C-alpha atoms as a PDB file:
ATOM      1  CA  GLU A   1     -26.663  -4.161 -99.950  1.00  0.00           C
ATOM      2  CA  ILE A   2     -29.929  -4.025 -97.999  1.00  0.00           C
ATOM      3  CA  ALA A   3     -32.810  -3.359-100.311  1.00  0.00           C
ATOM      4  CA  ASN A   4     -34.520   0.170-100.055  1.00  0.00           C
ATOM      5  CA  GLU A   5     -37.916  -1.019-100.942  1.00  0.00           C
ATOM      6  CA  PRO A   6     -40.121  -3.517 -99.054  1.00  0.00           C
ATOM      7  CA  ILE A   7     -41.061  -6.627-100.888  1.00  0.00           C
ATOM      8  CA  ILE A   8     -44.475  -7.720 -99.567  1.00  0.00           C
ATOM      9  CA  ARG A   9     -47.835  -8.869-100.806  1.00  0.00           C
ATOM     10  CA  ASP A  10     -49.904  -6.325-102.594  1.00  0.00           C
ATOM     11  CA  SER A  11     -52.920  -6.839-100.432  1.00  0.00           C
ATOM     12  CA  LEU A  12     -50.810  -6.400 -97.366  1.00  0.00           C
ATOM     13  CA  TRP A  13     -49.215  -3.219 -98.727  1.00  0.00           C
ATOM     14  CA  GLU A  14     -52.618  -1.759 -99.578  1.00  0.00           C
ATOM     15  CA  VAL A  15     -53.616  -2.314 -95.823  1.00  0.00           C
ATOM     16  CA  LEU A  16     -50.393  -0.841 -94.601  1.00  0.00           C
ATOM     17  CA  VAL A  17     -50.705   2.240 -96.790  1.00  0.00           C
ATOM     18  CA  GLY A  18     -53.881   2.877 -94.832  1.00  0.00           C
ATOM     19  CA  ARG A  19     -51.582   3.534 -91.878  1.00  0.00           C
ATOM     20  CA  GLU A  20     -50.472   6.949 -93.453  1.00  0.00           C
ATOM     21  CA  GLU A  21     -50.817   9.768 -90.875  1.00  0.00           C
ATOM     22  CA  VAL A  22     -54.303  11.239 -90.730  1.00  0.00           C
ATOM     23  CA  GLY A  23     -55.111  14.626 -89.020  1.00  0.00           C
ATOM     24  CA  GLY A  24     -51.698  14.741 -87.430  1.00  0.00           C
ATOM     25  CA  SER A  25     -51.815  11.484 -85.513  1.00  0.00           C
ATOM     26  CA  TYR A  26     -51.904   7.744 -86.181  1.00  0.00           C
ATOM     27  CA  PRO A  27     -55.100   5.839 -85.481  1.00  0.00           C
ATOM     28  CA  VAL A  28     -55.216   3.205 -82.832  1.00  0.00           C
ATOM     29  CA  PHE A  29     -55.449  -0.405 -84.138  1.00  0.00           C
ATOM     30  CA  ILE A  30     -56.828  -3.461 -82.494  1.00  0.00           C
ATOM     31  CA  ARG A  31     -54.174  -6.171 -82.176  1.00  0.00           C
ATOM     32  CA  GLU A  32     -54.196  -9.954 -81.987  1.00  0.00           C
ATOM     33  CA  CYS A  33     -51.709 -11.027 -79.498  1.00  0.00           C
ATOM     34  CA  ARG A  34     -50.527 -14.592 -78.959  1.00  0.00           C
ATOM     35  CA  TYR A  35     -47.552 -16.385 -77.285  1.00  0.00           C
ATOM     36  CA  MET A  36     -46.081 -19.768 -76.852  1.00  0.00           C
ATOM     37  CA  VAL A  37     -43.278 -21.032 -74.589  1.00  0.00           C
ATOM     38  CA  ILE A  38     -40.612 -23.631 -75.322  1.00  0.00           C
ATOM     39  CA  ASP A  39     -37.552 -25.078 -73.644  1.00  0.00           C
ATOM     40  CA  LEU A  40     -34.601 -22.688 -74.027  1.00  0.00           C
ATOM     41  CA  GLU A  41     -32.234 -25.614 -74.124  1.00  0.00           C
ATOM     42  CA  LEU A  42     -33.589 -26.479 -77.577  1.00  0.00           C
ATOM     43  CA  LEU A  43     -32.431 -23.111 -79.044  1.00  0.00           C
ATOM     44  CA  LYS A  44     -28.907 -23.457 -77.247  1.00  0.00           C
ATOM     45  CA  GLU A  45     -28.341 -26.880 -78.738  1.00  0.00           C
ATOM     46  CA  ILE A  46     -29.220 -25.581 -82.218  1.00  0.00           C
ATOM     47  CA  ARG A  47     -26.974 -22.608 -81.671  1.00  0.00           C
ATOM     48  CA  ARG A  48     -23.969 -24.555 -80.552  1.00  0.00           C
ATOM     49  CA  SER A  49     -24.341 -27.361 -83.201  1.00  0.00           C
ATOM     50  CA  SER A  50     -24.742 -24.733 -85.978  1.00  0.00           C
ATOM     51  CA  ASN A  51     -22.152 -22.354 -84.706  1.00  0.00           C
ATOM     52  CA  VAL A  52     -24.395 -19.339 -85.129  1.00  0.00           C
ATOM     53  CA  ARG A  53     -26.030 -16.624 -83.002  1.00  0.00           C
ATOM     54  CA  PHE A  54     -29.399 -16.851 -81.397  1.00  0.00           C
ATOM     55  CA  THR A  55     -30.854 -14.398 -83.719  1.00  0.00           C
ATOM     56  CA  ASP A  56     -29.733 -16.358 -86.688  1.00  0.00           C
ATOM     57  CA  VAL A  57     -31.698 -19.287 -85.482  1.00  0.00           C
ATOM     58  CA  LEU A  58     -34.751 -17.241 -84.439  1.00  0.00           C
ATOM     59  CA  LEU A  59     -34.807 -15.387 -87.873  1.00  0.00           C
ATOM     60  CA  THR A  60     -34.576 -18.736 -89.686  1.00  0.00           C
ATOM     61  CA  ALA A  61     -37.405 -20.089 -87.821  1.00  0.00           C
ATOM     62  CA  LEU A  62     -39.456 -16.999 -88.458  1.00  0.00           C
ATOM     63  CA  SER A  63     -38.501 -17.227 -92.301  1.00  0.00           C
ATOM     64  CA  ASN A  64     -39.663 -20.993 -92.432  1.00  0.00           C
ATOM     65  CA  SER A  65     -42.856 -20.132 -90.724  1.00  0.00           C
ATOM     66  CA  LEU A  66     -43.669 -17.269 -93.019  1.00  0.00           C
ATOM     67  CA  GLU A  67     -42.796 -19.342 -96.163  1.00  0.00           C
ATOM     68  CA  GLY A  68     -45.155 -22.041 -95.053  1.00  0.00           C
ATOM     69  CA  CYS A  69     -47.795 -19.532 -94.292  1.00  0.00           C
ATOM     70  CA  PHE A  70     -47.628 -17.655 -97.599  1.00  0.00           C
ATOM     71  CA  VAL A  71     -47.698 -20.909 -99.407  1.00  0.00           C
ATOM     72  CA  LYS A  72     -50.979 -21.894 -97.534  1.00  0.00           C
ATOM     73  CA  TRP A  73     -52.454 -18.477 -98.171  1.00  0.00           C
ATOM     74  CA  GLY A  74     -51.708 -18.712-101.882  1.00  0.00           C
ATOM     75  CA  GLU A  75     -49.078 -15.944-101.923  1.00  0.00           C
ATOM     76  CA  THR A  76     -45.609 -15.812-103.274  1.00  0.00           C
ATOM     77  CA  VAL A  77     -43.004 -13.671-101.229  1.00  0.00           C
ATOM     78  CA  GLU A  78     -39.348 -14.291-101.852  1.00  0.00           C
ATOM     79  CA  GLN A  79     -37.975 -11.946 -99.280  1.00  0.00           C
ATOM     80  CA  LEU A  80     -39.159  -9.458 -96.693  1.00  0.00           C
ATOM     81  CA  GLN A  81     -37.724  -6.270 -95.304  1.00  0.00           C
ATOM     82  CA  ILE A  82     -37.961  -6.437 -91.562  1.00  0.00           C
ATOM     83  CA  PHE A  83     -37.069  -4.027 -88.602  1.00  0.00           C
ATOM     84  CA  ILE A  84     -34.714  -5.665 -86.070  1.00  0.00           C
ATOM     85  CA  THR A  85     -33.176  -4.710 -82.734  1.00  0.00           C
ATOM     86  CA  ALA A  86     -29.730  -5.433 -81.501  1.00  0.00           C
ATOM     87  CA  ARG A  87     -27.941  -4.984 -78.210  1.00  0.00           C
ATOM     88  CA  MET A  88     -25.180  -2.560 -77.664  1.00  0.00           C
ATOM     89  CA  PRO A  89     -22.443  -3.722 -77.412  1.00  0.00           C
ATOM     90  CA  MET A  90     -23.378  -6.659 -79.614  1.00  0.00           C
ATOM     91  CA  SER A  91     -23.051  -9.883 -77.769  1.00  0.00           C
ATOM     92  CA  ASP A  92     -25.156 -13.082 -77.039  1.00  0.00           C
ATOM     93  CA  GLN A  93     -23.968 -12.710 -73.435  1.00  0.00           C
ATOM     94  CA  LEU A  94     -25.821 -10.116 -71.390  1.00  0.00           C
ATOM     95  CA  GLU A  95     -26.305 -10.271 -67.682  1.00  0.00           C
ATOM     96  CA  GLY A  96     -29.282  -7.911 -67.246  1.00  0.00           C
ATOM     97  CA  LEU A  97     -31.979  -5.783 -68.801  1.00  0.00           C
ATOM     98  CA  THR A  98     -30.780  -2.358 -70.158  1.00  0.00           C
ATOM     99  CA  ASN A  99     -31.866   0.219 -72.576  1.00  0.00           C
ATOM    100  CA  LEU A 100     -28.667  -0.180 -74.468  1.00  0.00           C
ATOM    101  CA  PHE A 101     -30.058  -1.166 -77.855  1.00  0.00           C
ATOM    102  CA  THR A 102     -30.271  -0.139 -81.570  1.00  0.00           C
ATOM    103  CA  VAL A 103     -32.320  -0.840 -84.572  1.00  0.00           C
ATOM    104  CA  ALA A 104     -31.745  -1.567 -88.335  1.00  0.00           C
ATOM    105  CA  MET A 105     -33.374  -2.851 -91.390  1.00  0.00           C
ATOM    106  CA  LEU A 106     -32.664  -6.498 -92.559  1.00  0.00           C
ATOM    107  CA  GLU A 107     -33.710  -8.259 -95.658  1.00  0.00           C
ATOM    108  CA  LEU A 108     -35.182 -11.640 -94.662  1.00  0.00           C
ATOM    109  CA  PRO A 109     -34.944 -14.491 -97.233  1.00  0.00           C
ATOM    110  CA  ILE A 110     -38.348 -16.183 -97.382  1.00  0.00           C
ATOM    111  CA  THR A 111     -37.669 -18.826-100.035  1.00  0.00           C
ATOM    112  CA  GLY A 112     -34.682 -20.774-101.164  1.00  0.00           C
ATOM    113  CA  LYS A 113     -31.988 -22.965 -99.556  1.00  0.00           C
ATOM    114  CA  ASP A 114     -29.290 -22.272 -96.843  1.00  0.00           C
ATOM    115  CA  LYS A 115     -31.511 -19.708 -95.082  1.00  0.00           C
ATOM    116  CA  MET A 116     -29.578 -19.783 -92.012  1.00  0.00           C
ATOM    117  CA  LYS A 117     -26.183 -19.144 -93.735  1.00  0.00           C
ATOM    118  CA  LYS A 118     -27.739 -16.293 -95.751  1.00  0.00           C
ATOM    119  CA  ILE A 119     -29.182 -14.776 -92.549  1.00  0.00           C
ATOM    120  CA  GLN A 120     -25.874 -14.998 -90.795  1.00  0.00           C
ATOM    121  CA  VAL A 121     -24.051 -13.451 -93.683  1.00  0.00           C
ATOM    122  CA  SER A 122     -26.622 -10.548 -93.787  1.00  0.00           C
ATOM    123  CA  GLN A 123     -26.325  -9.949 -90.118  1.00  0.00           C
ATOM    124  CA  GLU A 124     -22.492  -9.953 -90.186  1.00  0.00           C
ATOM    125  CA  ARG A 125     -22.539  -7.543 -93.145  1.00  0.00           C
ATOM    126  CA  LEU A 126     -25.118  -5.213 -91.258  1.00  0.00           C
ATOM    127  CA  LYS A 127     -22.757  -5.082 -88.379  1.00  0.00           C
ATOM    128  CA  LYS A 128     -20.163  -3.545 -90.542  1.00  0.00           C
ATOM    129  CA  LEU A 129     -22.454  -0.859 -91.877  1.00  0.00           C
ATOM    130  CA  PRO A 130     -23.176   2.516 -90.038  1.00  0.00           C
ATOM    131  CA  ASP A 131     -26.867   1.837 -89.515  1.00  0.00           C
ATOM    132  CA  TYR A 132     -26.516   0.278 -86.093  1.00  0.00           C
ATOM    133  CA  SER A 133     -24.174   2.984 -84.729  1.00  0.00           C
ATOM    134  CA  VAL A 134     -26.215   5.977 -86.204  1.00  0.00           C
ATOM    135  CA  ASN A 135     -29.434   4.657 -85.034  1.00  0.00           C
ATOM    136  CA  TYR A 136     -28.009   3.918 -81.610  1.00  0.00           C
ATOM    137  CA  TRP A 137     -26.862   7.456 -81.107  1.00  0.00           C
ATOM    138  CA  LEU A 138     -30.180   8.877 -82.452  1.00  0.00           C
ATOM    139  CA  LEU A 139     -32.034   6.807 -79.853  1.00  0.00           C
ATOM    140  CA  ARG A 140     -29.510   7.761 -77.142  1.00  0.00           C
ATOM    141  CA  VAL A 141     -29.208  11.362 -77.888  1.00  0.00           C
ATOM    142  CA  ALA A 142     -31.751  12.852 -80.387  1.00  0.00           C
ATOM    143  CA  PHE A 143     -34.767  11.138 -78.868  1.00  0.00           C
ATOM    144  CA  THR A 144     -33.785  12.614 -75.366  1.00  0.00           C
ATOM    145  CA  ILE A 145     -33.264  16.112 -76.624  1.00  0.00           C
ATOM    146  CA  PHE A 146     -35.881  16.935 -79.184  1.00  0.00           C
ATOM    147  CA  PRO A 147     -39.491  16.847 -78.574  1.00  0.00           C
ATOM    148  CA  ALA A 148     -41.522  13.866 -79.826  1.00  0.00           C
ATOM    149  CA  THR A 149     -43.835  15.910 -81.931  1.00  0.00           C
ATOM    150  CA  LEU A 150     -40.804  17.103 -84.080  1.00  0.00           C
ATOM    151  CA  LEU A 151     -39.119  13.705 -84.219  1.00  0.00           C
ATOM    152  CA  SER A 152     -42.302  11.995 -85.237  1.00  0.00           C
ATOM    153  CA  LYS A 153     -42.210  13.832 -88.499  1.00  0.00           C
ATOM    154  CA  PHE A 154     -38.774  12.125 -89.442  1.00  0.00           C
ATOM    155  CA  ALA A 155     -38.803   8.870 -87.427  1.00  0.00           C
ATOM    156  CA  VAL A 156     -41.378   7.131 -89.316  1.00  0.00           C
ATOM    157  CA  CYS A 157     -40.590   3.556 -90.554  1.00  0.00           C
ATOM    158  CA  SER A 158     -42.054   3.170 -94.071  1.00  0.00           C
ATOM    159  CA  GLN A 159     -39.929   0.519 -95.580  1.00  0.00           C
ATOM    160  CA  ALA A 160     -40.756  -2.527 -93.330  1.00  0.00           C
ATOM    161  CA  THR A 161     -43.893  -4.481 -92.469  1.00  0.00           C
ATOM    162  CA  LEU A 162     -42.642  -6.532 -89.751  1.00  0.00           C
ATOM    163  CA  SER A 163     -40.454  -6.018 -86.485  1.00  0.00           C
ATOM    164  CA  THR A 164     -38.655  -8.423 -84.331  1.00  0.00           C
ATOM    165  CA  SER A 165     -36.967  -8.154 -80.892  1.00  0.00           C
ATOM    166  CA  ASN A 166     -34.997 -10.603 -78.875  1.00  0.00           C
ATOM    167  CA  VAL A 167     -34.607  -9.855 -75.146  1.00  0.00           C
ATOM    168  CA  PRO A 168     -32.821 -11.892 -72.447  1.00  0.00           C
ATOM    169  CA  GLY A 169     -34.866 -12.095 -69.256  1.00  0.00           C
ATOM    170  CA  PRO A 170     -33.979 -13.242 -65.736  1.00  0.00           C
ATOM    171  CA  LYS A 171     -32.203 -16.468 -65.588  1.00  0.00           C
ATOM    172  CA  GLU A 172     -34.092 -17.611 -62.423  1.00  0.00           C
ATOM    173  CA  TYR A 173     -37.749 -17.449 -61.544  1.00  0.00           C
ATOM    174  CA  ILE A 174     -38.883 -14.318 -59.888  1.00  0.00           C
ATOM    175  CA  LYS A 175     -41.687 -13.873 -57.335  1.00  0.00           C
ATOM    176  CA  ILE A 176     -44.372 -11.212 -57.245  1.00  0.00           C
ATOM    177  CA  ARG A 177     -46.001 -10.873 -53.737  1.00  0.00           C
ATOM    178  CA  GLY A 178     -44.730 -14.451 -52.909  1.00  0.00           C
ATOM    179  CA  SER A 179     -46.133 -16.007 -55.999  1.00  0.00           C
ATOM    180  CA  ARG A 180     -43.695 -17.391 -58.576  1.00  0.00           C
ATOM    181  CA  VAL A 181     -43.941 -16.062 -62.222  1.00  0.00           C
ATOM    182  CA  THR A 182     -44.041 -19.304 -64.178  1.00  0.00           C
ATOM    183  CA  ASP A 183     -43.963 -17.581 -67.625  1.00  0.00           C
ATOM    184  CA  MET A 184     -43.231 -14.277 -69.117  1.00  0.00           C
ATOM    185  CA  ALA A 185     -43.838 -12.688 -72.561  1.00  0.00           C
ATOM    186  CA  PHE A 186     -43.931  -9.271 -74.149  1.00  0.00           C
ATOM    187  CA  PHE A 187     -45.517  -7.814 -77.245  1.00  0.00           C
ATOM    188  CA  LEU A 188     -44.087  -5.310 -79.753  1.00  0.00           C
ATOM    189  CA  PRO A 189     -46.285  -2.244 -80.508  1.00  0.00           C
ATOM    190  CA  ASN A 190     -47.563  -1.899 -84.109  1.00  0.00           C
ATOM    191  CA  ARG A 191     -46.678   1.547 -85.231  1.00  0.00           C
ATOM    192  CA  ASP A 192     -46.182   3.640 -88.503  1.00  0.00           C
ATOM    193  CA  MET A 193     -46.239   1.037 -91.454  1.00  0.00           C
ATOM    194  CA  ILE A 194     -45.392  -1.926 -89.234  1.00  0.00           C
ATOM    195  CA  GLY A 195     -48.255  -4.211 -88.743  1.00  0.00           C
ATOM    196  CA  VAL A 196     -46.694  -7.391 -87.281  1.00  0.00           C
ATOM    197  CA  GLY A 197     -44.351  -7.746 -84.281  1.00  0.00           C
ATOM    198  CA  ILE A 198     -42.458 -10.859 -83.357  1.00  0.00           C
ATOM    199  CA  SER A 199     -41.025 -10.969 -79.873  1.00  0.00           C
ATOM    200  CA  PHE A 200     -38.649 -13.438 -78.277  1.00  0.00           C
ATOM    201  CA  LEU A 201     -37.789 -13.658 -74.445  1.00  0.00           C
ATOM    202  CA  SER A 202     -35.745 -15.982 -72.598  1.00  0.00           C
ATOM    203  CA  TYR A 203     -36.770 -16.472 -68.833  1.00  0.00           C
ATOM    204  CA  ALA A 204     -35.579 -19.152 -66.461  1.00  0.00           C
ATOM    205  CA  ASN A 205     -34.582 -21.672 -68.980  1.00  0.00           C
ATOM    206  CA  ARG A 206     -37.855 -21.202 -70.909  1.00  0.00           C
ATOM    207  CA  PHE A 207     -38.273 -19.174 -74.122  1.00  0.00           C
ATOM    208  CA  SER A 208     -41.445 -17.266 -75.047  1.00  0.00           C
ATOM    209  CA  ILE A 209     -42.220 -16.331 -78.641  1.00  0.00           C
ATOM    210  CA  GLY A 210     -44.917 -13.569 -78.946  1.00  0.00           C
ATOM    211  CA  ILE A 211     -46.821 -12.187 -81.983  1.00  0.00           C
ATOM    212  CA  SER A 212     -48.866  -9.137 -82.189  1.00  0.00           C
ATOM    213  CA  VAL A 213     -50.647  -8.475 -85.444  1.00  0.00           C
ATOM    214  CA  ASP A 214     -52.817  -5.686 -86.567  1.00  0.00           C
ATOM    215  CA  GLU A 215     -56.345  -7.134 -87.124  1.00  0.00           C
ATOM    216  CA  ASN A 216     -56.513  -5.370 -90.472  1.00  0.00           C
ATOM    217  CA  LEU A 217     -53.964  -7.652 -91.949  1.00  0.00           C
ATOM    218  CA  LEU A 218     -55.694 -10.833 -90.925  1.00  0.00           C
ATOM    219  CA  SER A 219     -58.395 -12.622 -92.785  1.00  0.00           C
ATOM    220  CA  SER A 220     -59.071 -14.514 -89.529  1.00  0.00           C
ATOM    221  CA  ALA A 221     -57.323 -14.482 -86.010  1.00  0.00           C
ATOM    222  CA  SER A 222     -56.176 -18.152 -86.706  1.00  0.00           C
ATOM    223  CA  GLN A 223     -53.534 -16.670 -89.048  1.00  0.00           C
ATOM    224  CA  ALA A 224     -51.611 -15.122 -86.091  1.00  0.00           C
ATOM    225  CA  ASP A 225     -51.574 -18.707 -84.374  1.00  0.00           C
ATOM    226  CA  GLU A 226     -50.450 -20.290 -87.766  1.00  0.00           C
ATOM    227  CA  ILE A 227     -47.286 -17.953 -87.787  1.00  0.00           C
ATOM    228  CA  LEU A 228     -46.542 -18.485 -84.142  1.00  0.00           C
ATOM    229  CA  LYS A 229     -47.003 -22.325 -84.404  1.00  0.00           C
ATOM    230  CA  GLY A 230     -44.837 -22.284 -87.537  1.00  0.00           C
ATOM    231  CA  ILE A 231     -42.016 -20.827 -85.740  1.00  0.00           C
ATOM    232  CA  VAL A 232     -42.148 -23.316 -82.971  1.00  0.00           C
ATOM    233  CA  HIS A 233     -42.427 -26.269 -85.388  1.00  0.00           C
ATOM    234  CA  SER A 234     -39.452 -24.853 -87.380  1.00  0.00           C
ATOM    235  CA  ILE A 235     -37.310 -24.885 -84.124  1.00  0.00           C
ATOM    236  CA  ASP A 236     -38.376 -28.318 -83.510  1.00  0.00           C
ATOM    237  CA  ARG A 237     -37.374 -29.508 -86.807  1.00  0.00           C
ATOM    238  CA  MET A 238     -33.915 -27.799 -86.604  1.00  0.00           C
ATOM    239  CA  HIS A 239     -33.373 -29.315 -83.116  1.00  0.00           C
ATOM    240  CA  SER A 240     -34.302 -32.777 -84.490  1.00  0.00           C
ATOM    241  CA  SER A 241     -31.902 -32.367 -87.386  1.00  0.00           C
ATOM    242  CA  VAL A 242     -28.994 -31.175 -85.279  1.00  0.00           C
ATOM    243  CA  SER A 243     -29.710 -34.065 -82.757  1.00  0.00           C
ATOM    244  CA  THR A 244     -29.520 -36.651 -85.578  1.00  0.00           C
ATOM    245  CA  LEU A 245     -26.332 -35.195 -86.892  1.00  0.00           C
ATOM    246  CA  ASN A 246     -24.839 -35.188 -83.236  1.00  0.00           C
ATOM    247  CA  GLU A 247     -25.692 -38.938 -82.859  1.00  0.00           C
ATOM    248  CA  ASN A 248     -24.523 -39.711 -86.287  1.00  0.00           C
ATOM    249  CA  PRO A 249     -21.457 -37.570 -87.082  1.00  0.00           C
ATOM    250  CA  SER A 250     -20.856 -39.405 -90.445  1.00  0.00           C
ATOM    251  CA  LYS A 251     -23.953 -37.882 -91.746  1.00  0.00           C
ATOM    252  CA  ARG A 252     -22.353 -34.462 -91.794  1.00  0.00           C
ATOM    253  CA  GLU A 253     -21.310 -33.222 -95.161  1.00  0.00           C
END
């Protein structure tokens, strides 16, 4: 069962409480935005060897990065309530960009062993719950009928501090006015109580990882870089691990 209360640092929670609505509107926050690009084939090899979904790999890398950062920052966090998106219908195979998506809450393990397996089980369990379907129809129907001022009173995310989104982009390089776009990335908006956004985008056999963080959550801008680099480092380590197992099948348990 997904927890109903966020499990986060006290200091972080105090800052996020400061996001409470003031005077009928939410204040604008300054964001730190960063992104890094890696070879998409690394993720494909991890996914195939581990027999999991792309999101399982990405969330595991995020968890490993956050665990290392929390240790470095002198904090103890065992799990984190996060806001995730999913495509409808749910599949790792999508040929184009659409607005057919939904959202839900997921409890992300930060410490402990067998993270990828735990994340895989949690995501499979979440797919069997009504959360995805209910939120999908809210996004498709309610948000197109009722005015935003009315919905904003009810559609406030207060139980997560971090959001993630994984978007498949064009498989081939695109050109704008004759010039090739070599890299592509996007950043999630920080709204309500969510102060950290992690975005994943595949594009022309490359894969970008972006992070946007409310500056109020950082003691220094370098902390955003630490989270981002930690994700990339975790993916590299997972790839090295599966490559070793593929080269030496006898080492598999």
